[in-house]
């Protein structure tokens, strides 16, 4: 079994880079990127999820599916 390289995480890291450049005013979440699921970027808001999610839910770059799931998770 080979060790995954940093390039295996390219998709979520690129998305994070794009978001930070396009929407620098959004609140900073806790981030999770893993070699187990290399195409997944997880954003978590532990202090006040509803308040923080307001800015992200209005972001046009997010798909409707992501917005619906985020709002359902509260």
PDB file of N, CA and C in Angstrom:
ATOM      1  N   UNK A   1       0.842  -1.182   0.000  1.00  0.00           N
ATOM      2  CA  UNK A   1       0.000   0.000   0.000  1.00  0.00           C
ATOM      3  C   UNK A   1       0.882   1.238   0.000  1.00  0.00           C
ATOM      4  N   UNK A   2       0.621   2.142  -0.919  1.00  0.00           N
ATOM      5  CA  UNK A   2       1.439   3.349  -1.004  1.00  0.00           C
ATOM      6  C   UNK A   2       0.835   4.463  -0.143  1.00  0.00           C
ATOM      7  N   UNK A   3       1.678   5.339   0.300  1.00  0.00           N
ATOM      8  CA  UNK A   3       1.252   6.479   1.094  1.00  0.00           C
ATOM      9  C   UNK A   3       0.691   7.551   0.171  1.00  0.00           C
ATOM     10  N   UNK A   4      -0.515   8.059   0.475  1.00  0.00           N
ATOM     11  CA  UNK A   4      -1.079   9.131  -0.364  1.00  0.00           C
ATOM     12  C   UNK A   4      -0.201  10.380  -0.308  1.00  0.00           C
ATOM     13  N   UNK A   5      -0.157  11.077  -1.411  1.00  0.00           N
ATOM     14  CA  UNK A   5       0.618  12.306  -1.467  1.00  0.00           C
ATOM     15  C   UNK A   5      -0.302  13.513  -1.306  1.00  0.00           C
ATOM     16  N   UNK A   6       0.285  14.667  -1.128  1.00  0.00           N
ATOM     17  CA  UNK A   6      -0.480  15.893  -0.983  1.00  0.00           C
ATOM     18  C   UNK A   6      -1.315  16.176  -2.227  1.00  0.00           C
ATOM     19  N   UNK A   7      -0.834  15.753  -3.384  1.00  0.00           N
ATOM     20  CA  UNK A   7      -1.590  15.989  -4.621  1.00  0.00           C
ATOM     21  C   UNK A   7      -2.913  15.234  -4.632  1.00  0.00           C
ATOM     22  N   UNK A   8      -3.050  14.172  -3.840  1.00  0.00           N
ATOM     23  CA  UNK A   8      -4.312  13.438  -3.748  1.00  0.00           C
ATOM     24  C   UNK A   8      -5.410  14.294  -3.116  1.00  0.00           C
ATOM     25  N   UNK A   9      -5.015  15.329  -2.384  1.00  0.00           N
ATOM     26  CA  UNK A   9      -5.971  16.219  -1.734  1.00  0.00           C
ATOM     27  C   UNK A   9      -6.217  17.483  -2.554  1.00  0.00           C
ATOM     28  N   UNK A  10      -5.849  17.456  -3.810  1.00  0.00           N
ATOM     29  CA  UNK A  10      -5.918  18.633  -4.660  1.00  0.00           C
ATOM     30  C   UNK A  10      -7.293  19.267  -4.771  1.00  0.00           C
ATOM     31  N   UNK A  11      -8.346  18.467  -4.910  1.00  0.00           N
ATOM     32  CA  UNK A  11      -9.692  19.025  -5.096  1.00  0.00           C
ATOM     33  C   UNK A  11     -10.164  19.830  -3.886  1.00  0.00           C
ATOM     34  N   UNK A  12     -10.136  19.284  -2.668  1.00  0.00           N
ATOM     35  CA  UNK A  12     -10.610  20.090  -1.543  1.00  0.00           C
ATOM     36  C   UNK A  12      -9.697  21.276  -1.228  1.00  0.00           C
ATOM     37  N   UNK A  13      -8.403  21.127  -1.451  1.00  0.00           N
ATOM     38  CA  UNK A  13      -7.496  22.242  -1.187  1.00  0.00           C
ATOM     39  C   UNK A  13      -7.694  23.368  -2.207  1.00  0.00           C
ATOM     40  N   UNK A  14      -7.973  22.997  -3.450  1.00  0.00           N
ATOM     41  CA  UNK A  14      -8.257  24.010  -4.472  1.00  0.00           C
ATOM     42  C   UNK A  14      -9.548  24.752  -4.139  1.00  0.00           C
ATOM     43  N   UNK A  15     -10.566  24.021  -3.726  1.00  0.00           N
ATOM     44  CA  UNK A  15     -11.827  24.651  -3.341  1.00  0.00           C
ATOM     45  C   UNK A  15     -11.617  25.617  -2.179  1.00  0.00           C
ATOM     46  N   UNK A  16     -10.851  25.212  -1.197  1.00  0.00           N
ATOM     47  CA  UNK A  16     -10.566  26.083  -0.057  1.00  0.00           C
ATOM     48  C   UNK A  16      -9.827  27.338  -0.506  1.00  0.00           C
ATOM     49  N   UNK A  17      -8.894  27.172  -1.389  1.00  0.00           N
ATOM     50  CA  UNK A  17      -8.148  28.330  -1.917  1.00  0.00           C
ATOM     51  C   UNK A  17      -9.071  29.285  -2.675  1.00  0.00           C
ATOM     52  N   UNK A  18      -9.949  28.717  -3.485  1.00  0.00           N
ATOM     53  CA  UNK A  18     -10.885  29.539  -4.255  1.00  0.00           C
ATOM     54  C   UNK A  18     -11.846  30.289  -3.325  1.00  0.00           C
ATOM     55  N   UNK A  19     -12.366  29.607  -2.315  1.00  0.00           N
ATOM     56  CA  UNK A  19     -13.272  30.249  -1.372  1.00  0.00           C
ATOM     57  C   UNK A  19     -12.578  31.367  -0.604  1.00  0.00           C
ATOM     58  N   UNK A  20     -11.360  31.130  -0.171  1.00  0.00           N
ATOM     59  CA  UNK A  20     -10.658  32.156   0.610  1.00  0.00           C
ATOM     60  C   UNK A  20     -10.339  33.385  -0.233  1.00  0.00           C
ATOM     61  N   UNK A  21     -10.143  33.198  -1.527  1.00  0.00           N
ATOM     62  CA  UNK A  21      -9.871  34.331  -2.410  1.00  0.00           C
ATOM     63  C   UNK A  21     -11.156  35.073  -2.788  1.00  0.00           C
ATOM     64  N   UNK A  22     -12.222  34.330  -3.036  1.00  0.00           N
ATOM     65  CA  UNK A  22     -13.470  34.916  -3.506  1.00  0.00           C
ATOM     66  C   UNK A  22     -14.347  35.476  -2.376  1.00  0.00           C
ATOM     67  N   UNK A  23     -14.287  34.831  -1.215  1.00  0.00           N
ATOM     68  CA  UNK A  23     -15.156  35.211  -0.092  1.00  0.00           C
ATOM     69  C   UNK A  23     -14.352  35.394   1.202  1.00  0.00           C
ATOM     70  N   UNK A  24     -13.409  36.299   1.220  1.00  0.00           N
ATOM     71  CA  UNK A  24     -12.562  36.451   2.414  1.00  0.00           C
ATOM     72  C   UNK A  24     -13.320  36.968   3.635  1.00  0.00           C
ATOM     73  N   UNK A  25     -14.514  37.512   3.432  1.00  0.00           N
ATOM     74  CA  UNK A  25     -15.306  38.067   4.532  1.00  0.00           C
ATOM     75  C   UNK A  25     -16.071  37.006   5.321  1.00  0.00           C
ATOM     76  N   UNK A  26     -16.180  35.783   4.789  1.00  0.00           N
ATOM     77  CA  UNK A  26     -16.931  34.744   5.486  1.00  0.00           C
ATOM     78  C   UNK A  26     -16.207  34.310   6.754  1.00  0.00           C
ATOM     79  N   UNK A  27     -16.952  33.881   7.770  1.00  0.00           N
ATOM     80  CA  UNK A  27     -16.330  33.416   9.012  1.00  0.00           C
ATOM     81  C   UNK A  27     -15.473  32.170   8.761  1.00  0.00           C
ATOM     82  N   UNK A  28     -14.402  32.056   9.490  1.00  0.00           N
ATOM     83  CA  UNK A  28     -13.501  30.909   9.341  1.00  0.00           C
ATOM     84  C   UNK A  28     -14.071  29.693  10.071  1.00  0.00           C
ATOM     85  N   UNK A  29     -14.219  28.585   9.359  1.00  0.00           N
ATOM     86  CA  UNK A  29     -14.708  27.358   9.992  1.00  0.00           C
ATOM     87  C   UNK A  29     -13.537  26.480  10.444  1.00  0.00           C
ATOM     88  N   UNK A  30     -13.865  25.429  11.177  1.00  0.00           N
ATOM     89  CA  UNK A  30     -12.901  24.353  11.392  1.00  0.00           C
ATOM     90  C   UNK A  30     -12.919  23.533  10.106  1.00  0.00           C
ATOM     91  N   UNK A  31     -11.759  23.121   9.650  1.00  0.00           N
ATOM     92  CA  UNK A  31     -11.649  22.415   8.372  1.00  0.00           C
ATOM     93  C   UNK A  31     -11.209  20.984   8.580  1.00  0.00           C
ATOM     94  N   UNK A  32     -11.689  20.107   7.719  1.00  0.00           N
ATOM     95  CA  UNK A  32     -11.268  18.714   7.759  1.00  0.00           C
ATOM     96  C   UNK A  32     -11.022  18.242   6.332  1.00  0.00           C
ATOM     97  N   UNK A  33      -9.798  17.821   6.083  1.00  0.00           N
ATOM     98  CA  UNK A  33      -9.404  17.218   4.816  1.00  0.00           C
ATOM     99  C   UNK A  33      -8.676  15.935   5.185  1.00  0.00           C
ATOM    100  N   UNK A  34      -9.017  14.838   4.535  1.00  0.00           N
ATOM    101  CA  UNK A  34      -8.465  13.548   4.932  1.00  0.00           C
ATOM    102  C   UNK A  34      -8.072  12.716   3.717  1.00  0.00           C
ATOM    103  N   UNK A  35      -7.050  11.916   3.879  1.00  0.00           N
ATOM    104  CA  UNK A  35      -6.659  10.996   2.815  1.00  0.00           C
ATOM    105  C   UNK A  35      -7.646   9.833   2.697  1.00  0.00           C
ATOM    106  N   UNK A  36      -8.493   9.639   3.701  1.00  0.00           N
ATOM    107  CA  UNK A  36      -9.501   8.588   3.635  1.00  0.00           C
ATOM    108  C   UNK A  36     -10.559   8.944   2.596  1.00  0.00           C
ATOM    109  N   UNK A  37     -10.989  10.211   2.595  1.00  0.00           N
ATOM    110  CA  UNK A  37     -11.939  10.724   1.609  1.00  0.00           C
ATOM    111  C   UNK A  37     -11.288  11.927   0.928  1.00  0.00           C
ATOM    112  N   UNK A  38     -10.402  11.706  -0.034  1.00  0.00           N
ATOM    113  CA  UNK A  38      -9.590  12.790  -0.588  1.00  0.00           C
ATOM    114  C   UNK A  38     -10.352  13.848  -1.384  1.00  0.00           C
ATOM    115  N   UNK A  39     -11.591  13.587  -1.755  1.00  0.00           N
ATOM    116  CA  UNK A  39     -12.359  14.585  -2.518  1.00  0.00           C
ATOM    117  C   UNK A  39     -13.339  15.359  -1.644  1.00  0.00           C
ATOM    118  N   UNK A  40     -13.225  15.224  -0.333  1.00  0.00           N
ATOM    119  CA  UNK A  40     -14.183  15.833   0.580  1.00  0.00           C
ATOM    120  C   UNK A  40     -13.527  16.938   1.404  1.00  0.00           C
ATOM    121  N   UNK A  41     -14.195  18.077   1.466  1.00  0.00           N
ATOM    122  CA  UNK A  41     -13.798  19.180   2.338  1.00  0.00           C
ATOM    123  C   UNK A  41     -14.955  19.411   3.292  1.00  0.00           C
ATOM    124  N   UNK A  42     -14.706  19.263   4.586  1.00  0.00           N
ATOM    125  CA  UNK A  42     -15.746  19.440   5.591  1.00  0.00           C
ATOM    126  C   UNK A  42     -15.509  20.743   6.337  1.00  0.00           C
ATOM    127  N   UNK A  43     -16.549  21.566   6.415  1.00  0.00           N
ATOM    128  CA  UNK A  43     -16.511  22.815   7.167  1.00  0.00           C
ATOM    129  C   UNK A  43     -17.388  22.634   8.392  1.00  0.00           C
ATOM    130  N   UNK A  44     -16.863  22.953   9.570  1.00  0.00           N
ATOM    131  CA  UNK A  44     -17.625  22.817  10.814  1.00  0.00           C
ATOM    132  C   UNK A  44     -17.627  24.135  11.565  1.00  0.00           C
ATOM    133  N   UNK A  45     -18.780  24.440  12.141  1.00  0.00           N
ATOM    134  CA  UNK A  45     -18.939  25.652  12.940  1.00  0.00           C
ATOM    135  C   UNK A  45     -19.400  25.226  14.326  1.00  0.00           C
ATOM    136  N   UNK A  46     -18.494  25.257  15.291  1.00  0.00           N
ATOM    137  CA  UNK A  46     -18.807  24.737  16.613  1.00  0.00           C
ATOM    138  C   UNK A  46     -19.325  25.796  17.578  1.00  0.00           C
ATOM    139  N   UNK A  47     -18.983  27.047  17.368  1.00  0.00           N
ATOM    140  CA  UNK A  47     -19.395  28.060  18.336  1.00  0.00           C
ATOM    141  C   UNK A  47     -20.845  28.486  18.154  1.00  0.00           C
ATOM    142  N   UNK A  48     -21.277  28.770  16.940  1.00  0.00           N
ATOM    143  CA  UNK A  48     -22.661  29.150  16.672  1.00  0.00           C
ATOM    144  C   UNK A  48     -22.989  28.776  15.233  1.00  0.00           C
ATOM    145  N   UNK A  49     -23.326  27.508  14.995  1.00  0.00           N
ATOM    146  CA  UNK A  49     -23.512  27.022  13.621  1.00  0.00           C
ATOM    147  C   UNK A  49     -24.525  27.811  12.807  1.00  0.00           C
ATOM    148  N   UNK A  50     -25.639  28.196  13.390  1.00  0.00           N
ATOM    149  CA  UNK A  50     -26.675  28.885  12.607  1.00  0.00           C
ATOM    150  C   UNK A  50     -26.214  30.262  12.167  1.00  0.00           C
ATOM    151  N   UNK A  51     -25.595  30.987  13.064  1.00  0.00           N
ATOM    152  CA  UNK A  51     -25.116  32.323  12.728  1.00  0.00           C
ATOM    153  C   UNK A  51     -24.052  32.255  11.640  1.00  0.00           C
ATOM    154  N   UNK A  52     -23.116  31.354  11.764  1.00  0.00           N
ATOM    155  CA  UNK A  52     -22.031  31.241  10.795  1.00  0.00           C
ATOM    156  C   UNK A  52     -22.520  30.766   9.440  1.00  0.00           C
ATOM    157  N   UNK A  53     -23.509  29.900   9.437  1.00  0.00           N
ATOM    158  CA  UNK A  53     -23.989  29.320   8.192  1.00  0.00           C
ATOM    159  C   UNK A  53     -24.716  30.340   7.332  1.00  0.00           C
ATOM    160  N   UNK A  54     -25.199  31.396   7.925  1.00  0.00           N
ATOM    161  CA  UNK A  54     -25.939  32.411   7.172  1.00  0.00           C
ATOM    162  C   UNK A  54     -25.110  32.931   5.998  1.00  0.00           C
ATOM    163  N   UNK A  55     -23.858  33.294   6.241  1.00  0.00           N
ATOM    164  CA  UNK A  55     -23.003  33.795   5.166  1.00  0.00           C
ATOM    165  C   UNK A  55     -22.734  32.769   4.093  1.00  0.00           C
ATOM    166  N   UNK A  56     -22.481  31.533   4.492  1.00  0.00           N
ATOM    167  CA  UNK A  56     -22.189  30.485   3.524  1.00  0.00           C
ATOM    168  C   UNK A  56     -23.413  30.091   2.717  1.00  0.00           C
ATOM    169  N   UNK A  57     -24.588  30.112   3.319  1.00  0.00           N
ATOM    170  CA  UNK A  57     -25.788  29.695   2.593  1.00  0.00           C
ATOM    171  C   UNK A  57     -26.149  30.678   1.489  1.00  0.00           C
ATOM    172  N   UNK A  58     -25.660  31.903   1.578  1.00  0.00           N
ATOM    173  CA  UNK A  58     -25.916  32.899   0.534  1.00  0.00           C
ATOM    174  C   UNK A  58     -24.828  32.932  -0.535  1.00  0.00           C
ATOM    175  N   UNK A  59     -23.852  32.056  -0.415  1.00  0.00           N
ATOM    176  CA  UNK A  59     -22.742  32.007  -1.357  1.00  0.00           C
ATOM    177  C   UNK A  59     -23.176  31.292  -2.631  1.00  0.00           C
ATOM    178  N   UNK A  60     -23.163  31.979  -3.771  1.00  0.00           N
ATOM    179  CA  UNK A  60     -23.650  31.356  -5.008  1.00  0.00           C
ATOM    180  C   UNK A  60     -22.801  30.183  -5.479  1.00  0.00           C
ATOM    181  N   UNK A  61     -21.564  30.072  -5.014  1.00  0.00           N
ATOM    182  CA  UNK A  61     -20.698  28.993  -5.465  1.00  0.00           C
ATOM    183  C   UNK A  61     -21.124  27.637  -4.899  1.00  0.00           C
ATOM    184  N   UNK A  62     -21.913  27.640  -3.831  1.00  0.00           N
ATOM    185  CA  UNK A  62     -22.365  26.379  -3.260  1.00  0.00           C
ATOM    186  C   UNK A  62     -23.570  25.855  -4.038  1.00  0.00           C
ATOM    187  N   UNK A  63     -23.585  24.560  -4.244  1.00  0.00           N
ATOM    188  CA  UNK A  63     -24.713  23.975  -4.953  1.00  0.00           C
ATOM    189  C   UNK A  63     -25.941  23.974  -4.040  1.00  0.00           C
ATOM    190  N   UNK A  64     -27.082  23.866  -4.632  1.00  0.00           N
ATOM    191  CA  UNK A  64     -28.335  23.821  -3.859  1.00  0.00           C
ATOM    192  C   UNK A  64     -28.331  22.624  -2.908  1.00  0.00           C
ATOM    193  N   UNK A  65     -27.747  21.512  -3.339  1.00  0.00           N
ATOM    194  CA  UNK A  65     -27.680  20.314  -2.500  1.00  0.00           C
ATOM    195  C   UNK A  65     -26.868  20.591  -1.232  1.00  0.00           C
ATOM    196  N   UNK A  66     -25.738  21.282  -1.390  1.00  0.00           N
ATOM    197  CA  UNK A  66     -24.899  21.602  -0.240  1.00  0.00           C
ATOM    198  C   UNK A  66     -25.640  22.542   0.704  1.00  0.00           C
ATOM    199  N   UNK A  67     -26.301  23.548   0.163  1.00  0.00           N
ATOM    200  CA  UNK A  67     -27.058  24.494   0.987  1.00  0.00           C
ATOM    201  C   UNK A  67     -28.171  23.786   1.751  1.00  0.00           C
ATOM    202  N   UNK A  68     -28.916  22.921   1.081  1.00  0.00           N
ATOM    203  CA  UNK A  68     -30.019  22.214   1.719  1.00  0.00           C
ATOM    204  C   UNK A  68     -29.510  21.312   2.836  1.00  0.00           C
ATOM    205  N   UNK A  69     -28.435  20.622   2.570  1.00  0.00           N
ATOM    206  CA  UNK A  69     -27.868  19.718   3.585  1.00  0.00           C
ATOM    207  C   UNK A  69     -27.349  20.498   4.780  1.00  0.00           C
ATOM    208  N   UNK A  70     -26.680  21.605   4.508  1.00  0.00           N
ATOM    209  CA  UNK A  70     -26.131  22.419   5.596  1.00  0.00           C
ATOM    210  C   UNK A  70     -27.242  22.989   6.452  1.00  0.00           C
ATOM    211  N   UNK A  71     -28.309  23.459   5.831  1.00  0.00           N
ATOM    212  CA  UNK A  71     -29.419  24.028   6.591  1.00  0.00           C
ATOM    213  C   UNK A  71     -30.153  22.946   7.378  1.00  0.00           C
ATOM    214  N   UNK A  72     -30.239  21.739   6.827  1.00  0.00           N
ATOM    215  CA  UNK A  72     -30.895  20.640   7.541  1.00  0.00           C
ATOM    216  C   UNK A  72     -30.086  20.190   8.745  1.00  0.00           C
ATOM    217  N   UNK A  73     -28.749  20.222   8.623  1.00  0.00           N
ATOM    218  CA  UNK A  73     -27.881  19.832   9.727  1.00  0.00           C
ATOM    219  C   UNK A  73     -27.882  20.864  10.829  1.00  0.00           C
ATOM    220  N   UNK A  74     -28.310  22.108  10.480  1.00  0.00           N
ATOM    221  CA  UNK A  74     -28.414  23.188  11.458  1.00  0.00           C
ATOM    222  C   UNK A  74     -27.108  23.610  11.945  1.00  0.00           C
TER     223      UNK A  74
END
